[in-house]
Amino acid sequence: METAEDRSPSRHRAIVTALAAEIERQARAGASRIDIEALAGAAEAAIEARPPAAAGRHPSELNATNDD
């Protein structure tokens, strides 16, 4: 069942970007046919990719005691 997260614009954009990059890679390699398995792998990788849980500290927040 599709959830609201599945329909998110950022998820859609990630899939589009991954597919476009894979098609471009195949074209540069001189492929005469599109490798559907490679496209599926690119789409799966885009779907499974998750942003980091926390961004950490910004440079302006660092000082000598917390810069590691």
Protein backbone atom coordinates (compact mmCIF):
# COMPACT_ATOMS: atom_id res chain seq x y z
CA MET A 1 0.00 0.00 0.00
CA GLU A 2 1.35 3.42 -0.94
CA THR A 3 1.95 5.88 1.87
CA ALA A 4 2.22 9.67 1.82
CA GLU A 5 6.01 9.29 2.13
CA ASP A 6 6.05 7.15 -1.03
CA ARG A 7 4.48 10.03 -2.97
CA SER A 8 6.80 12.75 -1.68
CA PRO A 9 8.28 15.12 -4.26
CA SER A 10 11.80 14.62 -2.88
CA ARG A 11 11.53 10.83 -3.23
CA HIS A 12 10.22 11.22 -6.76
CA ARG A 13 13.05 13.62 -7.63
CA ALA A 14 15.61 11.19 -6.18
CA ILE A 15 14.27 8.38 -8.38
CA VAL A 16 14.21 10.59 -11.49
CA THR A 17 17.77 11.74 -10.82
CA ALA A 18 19.01 8.18 -10.27
CA LEU A 19 17.37 6.90 -13.45
CA ALA A 20 18.66 9.81 -15.53
CA ALA A 21 22.19 9.29 -14.22
CA GLU A 22 22.08 5.57 -14.97
CA ILE A 23 20.77 6.13 -18.51
CA GLU A 24 23.49 8.74 -19.07
CA ARG A 25 26.14 6.32 -17.75
CA GLN A 26 24.93 3.61 -20.10
CA ALA A 27 24.90 6.01 -23.06
CA ARG A 28 28.48 7.15 -22.34
CA ALA A 29 29.52 3.48 -22.18
CA GLY A 30 28.12 2.99 -25.68
CA ALA A 31 25.27 0.67 -24.74
CA SER A 32 23.04 -0.17 -27.69
CA ARG A 33 20.20 -1.20 -25.35
CA ILE A 34 19.12 0.04 -21.95
CA ASP A 35 20.07 -2.29 -19.11
CA ILE A 36 16.79 -2.57 -17.18
CA GLU A 37 18.44 -4.42 -14.28
CA ALA A 38 20.86 -1.53 -13.81
CA LEU A 39 17.95 0.93 -13.89
CA ALA A 40 16.12 -1.11 -11.26
CA GLY A 41 19.24 -1.11 -9.07
CA ALA A 42 19.57 2.66 -9.42
CA ALA A 43 15.90 3.14 -8.49
CA GLU A 44 16.23 0.84 -5.48
CA ALA A 45 19.33 2.68 -4.28
CA ALA A 46 17.51 6.01 -4.59
CA ILE A 47 14.49 4.71 -2.69
CA GLU A 48 16.59 3.17 0.09
CA ALA A 49 18.80 6.24 0.52
CA ARG A 50 17.96 8.08 3.70
CA PRO A 51 19.26 11.45 4.82
CA PRO A 52 21.48 11.45 7.91
CA ALA A 53 19.59 11.40 11.20
CA ALA A 54 21.37 14.51 12.48
CA ALA A 55 23.30 17.20 10.69
CA GLY A 56 25.80 17.67 13.51
CA ARG A 57 27.24 21.00 14.48
CA HIS A 58 27.68 23.99 12.20
CA PRO A 59 31.13 25.61 12.11
CA SER A 60 29.80 28.64 13.96
CA GLU A 61 28.79 26.34 16.84
CA LEU A 62 32.26 24.86 17.31
CA ASN A 63 34.81 25.91 19.87
CA ALA A 64 37.96 24.36 21.33
CA THR A 65 36.02 22.05 23.61
CA ASN A 66 33.56 20.62 21.08
CA ASP A 67 35.33 20.71 17.72
CA ASP A 68 35.84 16.93 17.47
